[in-house]
Amino acid sequence: MATAFITHADCARHDMGPHHPECPQRLSAIEDRLIASGVGQYLVRHEAPLAREEQLTRVHPADYVRAIHDVAPRSGTVHLDPDTAMNPYSLQAALRAAGAAVLGVDLVMRGECENAFCSVRPPGHHACRARPMGFCIFNNVAVAARHALAAHGLERVAIVDFDVHHGNGTEDIFAGDAQVLMVSTFQHPFYPYCGTENPAPNMVNVPLAAYSGSDAFRAAVHDAWLPALERFRPQLVLFSAGFDAHDEDDMAMLRLRDADYGWVTEQVKVVAERHAQGRIVSTLEGGYALSALGRSVVQHVKVLAGLNG
């Protein structure tokens, strides 16, 4: 079965101002590299729908969703926090980003594709139940997980987060929820300065020191993630796919390489094939060095599409 590639032009219209690292060019860098690598021709493209209110309110309180709609500007820029802003196109982009993740779940659950990659922005994993932060407005991967549980009747969904920053919003939403397992690596101590203090049993958080590099990352996956995933036996795997731990990305200092993103995708794909009928939905989180982002996404998507053999 094919790999779906889900995106929408609205996601490139969200702009938080000059020199902001979470910029529209991130999506064009991914598109350009997929074309140049030849991987793009093997993907089945879909336009992201707008997430519906009932999909968002499985994760975020209705008052929060209404507040985001109300604050969205008709002109200019509104800051939700020092790092996170909305322009007149941001609300549509945020709804498309969450809607892409929902569509990805629907496609894999209906058997229309084996897996999906959502090339969307704004990212989502810092968005808490009722708080935007860290470039994030709605928690896209959390919306996807709740949709899988509520609309498709699944009992076990795994979230795999390899962004350099801890997915604190996802942890806030799912800590203690026995239907969701989250495994993650992140640089520590580092923004958002959490994830290490008494995590819930369903949170497998592996902090890594600055400059740890590929060996430490791969050891964390092998020693902590894979055993936890095998015990959990997920029926669906969701990636919070952040590529900002790359050596070329000056947002942080974990020093991963292109090949690490292909490798971790291979390891998790084996688990998904064993327990989840291969069902994977990946949604873009961080990654701000444009060349490294494009190359790393190619490594990730290449494995999803079975083109790495």
Protein backbone atom coordinates (compact mmCIF):
# COMPACT_ATOMS: atom_id res chain seq x y z
CA MET A 1 0.00 0.00 0.00
CA ALA A 2 1.04 3.58 -0.66
CA THR A 3 2.21 6.29 1.71
CA ALA A 4 -0.07 9.33 1.91
CA PHE A 5 1.44 12.82 1.89
CA ILE A 6 -0.98 15.28 3.48
CA THR A 7 -0.52 19.04 3.32
CA HIS A 8 -2.33 22.24 2.40
CA ALA A 9 -1.37 25.64 1.00
CA ASP A 10 -2.96 27.31 4.06
CA CYS A 11 -0.13 25.93 6.19
CA ALA A 12 2.38 28.06 4.28
CA ARG A 13 0.33 31.24 4.83
CA HIS A 14 0.78 31.12 8.60
CA ASP A 15 3.63 33.55 9.27
CA MET A 16 4.83 34.69 12.70
CA GLY A 17 7.06 37.46 11.40
CA PRO A 18 10.51 38.09 9.92
CA HIS A 19 13.32 35.85 11.16
CA HIS A 20 11.00 33.54 13.10
CA PRO A 21 12.50 30.02 12.86
CA GLU A 22 9.10 28.38 12.40
CA CYS A 23 8.74 29.87 8.93
CA PRO A 24 6.72 29.01 5.80
CA GLN A 25 9.90 28.04 3.96
CA ARG A 26 10.08 24.88 6.06
CA LEU A 27 7.34 23.29 3.95
CA SER A 28 8.86 24.29 0.62
CA ALA A 29 12.23 22.89 1.78
CA ILE A 30 10.52 19.53 2.36
CA GLU A 31 8.70 19.66 -0.99
CA ASP A 32 11.87 20.56 -2.88
CA ARG A 33 13.90 17.75 -1.33
CA LEU A 34 11.17 15.15 -1.91
CA ILE A 35 11.13 16.11 -5.58
CA ALA A 36 14.92 16.21 -5.93
CA SER A 37 15.31 12.82 -4.24
CA GLY A 38 12.65 11.18 -6.40
CA VAL A 39 10.73 10.07 -3.31
CA GLY A 40 7.86 12.47 -3.98
CA GLN A 41 6.67 10.57 -7.04
CA TYR A 42 5.83 7.52 -4.91
CA LEU A 43 3.56 9.38 -2.49
CA VAL A 44 -0.20 9.78 -2.79
CA ARG A 45 -1.04 13.42 -2.13
CA HIS A 46 -4.05 14.57 -0.12
CA GLU A 47 -5.24 18.04 0.89
CA ALA A 48 -5.66 18.49 4.61
CA PRO A 49 -9.24 19.20 5.70
CA LEU A 50 -10.18 21.62 8.46
CA ALA A 51 -10.37 19.91 11.83
CA ARG A 52 -13.90 20.01 13.20
CA GLU A 53 -14.80 21.39 16.61
CA GLU A 54 -15.76 17.97 18.00
CA GLN A 55 -12.34 16.62 16.98
CA LEU A 56 -10.51 19.46 18.72
CA THR A 57 -12.64 19.33 21.88
CA ARG A 58 -11.71 15.72 22.52
CA VAL A 59 -8.33 17.24 23.47
CA HIS A 60 -8.84 20.93 24.23
CA PRO A 61 -11.65 22.47 26.32
CA ALA A 62 -14.38 24.11 24.21
CA ASP A 63 -13.59 27.46 25.87
CA TYR A 64 -9.99 27.21 24.67
CA VAL A 65 -11.00 26.39 21.09
CA ARG A 66 -13.43 29.34 21.09
CA ALA A 67 -10.77 31.63 22.54
CA ILE A 68 -8.36 30.76 19.72
CA HIS A 69 -11.08 31.53 17.17
CA ASP A 70 -11.88 34.79 18.93
CA VAL A 71 -8.29 36.02 19.17
CA ALA A 72 -7.41 35.20 15.53
CA PRO A 73 -6.68 38.56 13.85
CA ARG A 74 -8.23 39.88 10.66
CA SER A 75 -5.08 41.91 10.06
CA GLY A 76 -1.67 42.22 11.62
CA THR A 77 -0.21 39.81 14.17
CA VAL A 78 -1.40 38.74 17.62
CA HIS A 79 1.00 37.06 20.08
CA LEU A 80 -0.34 34.16 22.11
CA ASP A 81 2.95 33.91 24.01
CA PRO A 82 6.43 35.34 23.37
CA ASP A 83 7.19 32.60 20.81
CA THR A 84 3.78 31.95 19.28
CA ALA A 85 1.85 34.37 17.10
CA MET A 86 -1.12 34.36 14.74
CA ASN A 87 -1.58 36.28 11.50
CA PRO A 88 -4.88 36.34 9.51
CA TYR A 89 -4.11 32.90 8.04
CA SER A 90 -2.95 31.15 11.21
CA LEU A 91 -6.32 29.86 12.37
CA GLN A 92 -6.93 28.14 9.04
CA ALA A 93 -3.41 26.72 9.10
CA ALA A 94 -3.85 25.37 12.64
CA LEU A 95 -7.17 23.77 11.72
CA ARG A 96 -5.57 22.22 8.61
CA ALA A 97 -2.62 20.90 10.64
CA ALA A 98 -4.92 19.12 13.10
CA GLY A 99 -7.22 18.06 10.27
CA ALA A 100 -4.30 16.51 8.39
CA ALA A 101 -3.52 14.27 11.35
CA VAL A 102 -7.18 13.22 11.58
CA LEU A 103 -7.28 12.45 7.84
CA GLY A 104 -4.09 10.42 8.17
CA VAL A 105 -5.72 8.29 10.86
CA ASP A 106 -8.84 7.82 8.73
CA LEU A 107 -6.81 6.78 5.68
CA VAL A 108 -4.74 4.17 7.50
CA MET A 109 -7.70 2.84 9.48
CA ARG A 110 -9.75 2.44 6.29
CA GLY A 111 -6.86 0.62 4.65
CA GLU A 112 -6.51 3.25 1.91
CA CYS A 113 -2.81 3.63 2.69
CA GLU A 114 -0.37 1.90 4.98
CA ASN A 115 0.96 5.08 6.53
CA ALA A 116 0.93 8.85 6.16
CA PHE A 117 3.16 11.87 6.58
CA CYS A 118 1.56 15.23 7.40
CA SER A 119 3.70 18.11 6.13
CA VAL A 120 1.95 20.82 8.09
CA ARG A 121 2.46 23.81 10.33
CA PRO A 122 1.99 25.12 12.95
CA PRO A 123 3.42 22.19 14.90
CA GLY A 124 1.52 20.87 17.90
CA HIS A 125 3.33 18.96 20.63
CA HIS A 126 3.84 21.92 22.99
CA ALA A 127 0.14 22.84 22.94
CA CYS A 128 -1.28 21.82 26.32
CA ARG A 129 -4.92 21.16 27.12
CA ALA A 130 -5.72 24.85 27.47
CA ARG A 131 -2.51 26.70 26.65
CA PRO A 132 -0.70 27.50 23.39
CA MET A 133 3.08 27.64 23.58
CA GLY A 134 6.30 26.93 21.73
CA PHE A 135 4.99 27.77 18.23
CA CYS A 136 1.98 25.42 18.80
CA ILE A 137 -1.76 26.23 18.88
CA PHE A 138 -3.61 22.89 18.73
CA ASN A 139 -1.95 19.59 19.63
CA ASN A 140 -2.13 17.82 16.27
CA VAL A 141 -0.84 14.43 17.37
CA ALA A 142 -3.13 14.41 20.41
CA VAL A 143 -6.13 15.22 18.22
CA ALA A 144 -5.14 12.28 16.00
CA ALA A 145 -4.77 9.91 18.95
CA ARG A 146 -8.13 10.83 20.45
CA HIS A 147 -9.75 10.48 17.03
CA ALA A 148 -8.31 6.99 16.63
CA LEU A 149 -9.67 5.97 20.02
CA ALA A 150 -13.09 7.62 19.72
CA ALA A 151 -13.95 7.30 16.03
CA HIS A 152 -12.21 4.02 15.20
CA GLY A 153 -12.60 2.16 18.48
CA LEU A 154 -8.92 1.48 19.08
CA GLU A 155 -7.76 0.63 22.56
CA ARG A 156 -4.00 1.32 22.34
CA VAL A 157 -2.27 4.15 20.49
CA ALA A 158 1.45 4.89 20.75
CA ILE A 159 3.00 8.33 20.24
CA VAL A 160 6.69 8.43 19.28
CA ASP A 161 8.27 11.87 19.71
CA PHE A 162 11.85 12.47 18.55
CA ASP A 163 11.80 16.27 18.54
CA VAL A 164 14.72 17.89 20.35
CA HIS A 165 12.24 19.60 22.70
CA HIS A 166 10.08 17.56 25.06
CA GLY A 167 6.46 17.24 23.95
CA ASN A 168 5.15 18.72 27.17
CA GLY A 169 1.72 19.44 25.72
CA THR A 170 1.23 15.84 24.68
CA GLU A 171 2.35 14.71 28.12
CA ASP A 172 -0.05 17.18 29.75
CA ILE A 173 -2.93 15.72 27.74
CA PHE A 174 -2.17 12.01 28.09
CA ALA A 175 -0.28 11.50 31.37
CA GLY A 176 -1.95 8.62 33.18
CA ASP A 177 -4.09 7.58 30.20
CA ALA A 178 -3.67 3.81 29.88
CA GLN A 179 -4.85 3.86 26.24
CA VAL A 180 -1.92 6.00 25.11
CA LEU A 181 1.80 5.30 25.44
CA MET A 182 4.22 8.13 24.71
CA VAL A 183 7.91 7.46 24.13
CA SER A 184 10.23 10.39 23.63
CA THR A 185 13.78 11.66 23.59
CA PHE A 186 14.73 15.31 24.10
CA GLN A 187 17.65 17.47 25.07
CA HIS A 188 17.74 18.19 28.80
CA PRO A 189 18.04 20.60 30.50
CA PHE A 190 16.40 22.58 27.73
CA TYR A 191 13.11 24.20 26.74
CA PRO A 192 10.41 23.51 27.94
CA TYR A 193 12.34 22.36 31.03
CA CYS A 194 10.16 19.42 32.00
CA GLY A 195 9.60 15.73 31.35
CA THR A 196 11.98 14.37 33.96
CA GLU A 197 10.13 14.82 37.26
CA ASN A 198 8.10 11.70 38.15
CA PRO A 199 6.56 11.01 34.74
CA ALA A 200 3.39 8.91 34.64
CA PRO A 201 3.80 5.18 33.90
CA ASN A 202 2.63 5.67 30.30
CA MET A 203 5.33 8.28 29.64
CA VAL A 204 8.72 6.85 28.59
CA ASN A 205 10.75 10.05 28.59
CA VAL A 206 14.47 9.76 27.87
CA PRO A 207 16.37 13.02 28.46
CA LEU A 208 19.66 13.37 26.59
CA ALA A 209 22.49 15.73 27.40
CA ALA A 210 23.69 18.31 24.90
CA TYR A 211 26.13 16.90 22.34
CA SER A 212 24.98 13.32 23.04
CA GLY A 213 24.88 12.46 19.36
CA SER A 214 23.69 9.43 17.43
CA ASP A 215 24.96 6.71 19.76
CA ALA A 216 23.08 8.00 22.80
CA PHE A 217 19.91 8.53 20.77
CA ARG A 218 20.04 5.04 19.29
CA ALA A 219 20.72 3.51 22.71
CA ALA A 220 17.65 5.29 24.12
CA VAL A 221 15.49 3.92 21.33
CA HIS A 222 16.88 0.41 21.68
CA ASP A 223 16.95 0.22 25.48
CA ALA A 224 13.85 2.23 26.47
CA TRP A 225 11.47 2.82 23.56
CA LEU A 226 11.38 -0.54 21.84
CA PRO A 227 10.80 -2.67 24.97
CA ALA A 228 8.00 -0.30 26.08
CA LEU A 229 6.39 -0.38 22.64
CA GLU A 230 6.57 -4.17 22.49
CA ARG A 231 4.90 -4.47 25.88
CA PHE A 232 2.19 -2.01 24.90
CA ARG A 233 1.38 -3.65 21.52
CA PRO A 234 0.01 -0.48 19.86
CA GLN A 235 -2.79 -0.76 17.33
CA LEU A 236 -1.66 2.51 15.73
CA VAL A 237 1.62 4.43 15.91
CA LEU A 238 1.77 8.22 15.66
CA PHE A 239 5.04 10.11 15.16
CA SER A 240 5.63 13.59 16.50
CA ALA A 241 8.37 14.04 13.94
CA GLY A 242 10.66 16.90 14.92
CA PHE A 243 13.96 17.18 13.06
CA ASP A 244 15.58 19.91 15.16
CA ALA A 245 17.98 17.53 16.93
CA HIS A 246 20.00 17.54 13.69
CA ASP A 247 23.66 18.52 13.85
CA GLU A 248 23.07 21.43 11.45
CA ASP A 249 20.15 22.86 13.43
CA ASP A 250 21.32 25.62 15.74
CA MET A 251 18.05 25.51 17.70
CA ALA A 252 19.64 22.84 19.92
CA MET A 253 22.68 20.65 20.45
CA LEU A 254 21.91 16.94 20.18
CA ARG A 255 23.92 16.44 16.98
CA LEU A 256 21.87 13.80 15.16
CA ARG A 257 22.51 13.00 11.48
CA ASP A 258 20.27 12.40 8.48
CA ALA A 259 20.64 8.64 8.82
CA ASP A 260 19.37 8.63 12.41
CA TYR A 261 15.92 9.65 11.22
CA GLY A 262 15.76 6.78 8.75
CA TRP A 263 17.05 4.38 11.37
CA VAL A 264 14.53 5.30 14.08
CA THR A 265 11.71 5.08 11.54
CA GLU A 266 12.85 1.56 10.60
CA GLN A 267 12.89 0.46 14.25
CA VAL A 268 9.39 1.78 14.96
CA LYS A 269 8.03 0.52 11.65
CA VAL A 270 8.94 -3.04 12.68
CA VAL A 271 6.83 -2.60 15.84
CA ALA A 272 3.95 -1.18 13.82
CA GLU A 273 4.08 -4.08 11.37
CA ARG A 274 4.06 -6.60 14.21
CA HIS A 275 1.24 -5.08 16.27
CA ALA A 276 -0.57 -2.38 14.27
CA GLN A 277 -0.86 -3.83 10.76
CA GLY A 278 1.80 -1.32 9.75
CA ARG A 279 -0.44 1.65 10.54
CA ILE A 280 1.62 4.82 11.13
CA VAL A 281 0.72 8.50 10.92
CA SER A 282 3.57 10.98 11.20
CA THR A 283 3.07 14.71 11.69
CA LEU A 284 5.74 17.39 11.40
CA GLU A 285 6.92 19.12 14.54
CA GLY A 286 10.27 20.97 14.65
CA GLY A 287 13.22 21.30 12.30
CA TYR A 288 14.57 24.73 11.39
CA ALA A 289 17.79 24.25 9.38
CA LEU A 290 16.07 24.06 6.01
CA SER A 291 18.49 21.83 4.12
CA ALA A 292 18.84 19.41 7.03
CA LEU A 293 15.07 19.42 7.51
CA GLY A 294 14.41 18.48 3.90
CA ARG A 295 17.05 15.75 3.87
CA SER A 296 15.91 14.29 7.19
CA VAL A 297 12.26 14.19 6.16
CA VAL A 298 13.32 12.33 3.01
CA GLN A 299 15.05 9.71 5.17
CA HIS A 300 11.94 9.38 7.34
CA VAL A 301 9.42 9.24 4.48
CA LYS A 302 11.63 6.94 2.40
CA VAL A 303 11.36 4.30 5.13
CA LEU A 304 7.62 4.85 5.52
CA ALA A 305 7.19 4.34 1.79
CA GLY A 306 9.37 1.23 1.73
CA LEU A 307 11.96 2.81 -0.56
CA ASN A 308 14.97 2.21 1.67
CA GLY A 309 15.70 -1.34 0.54
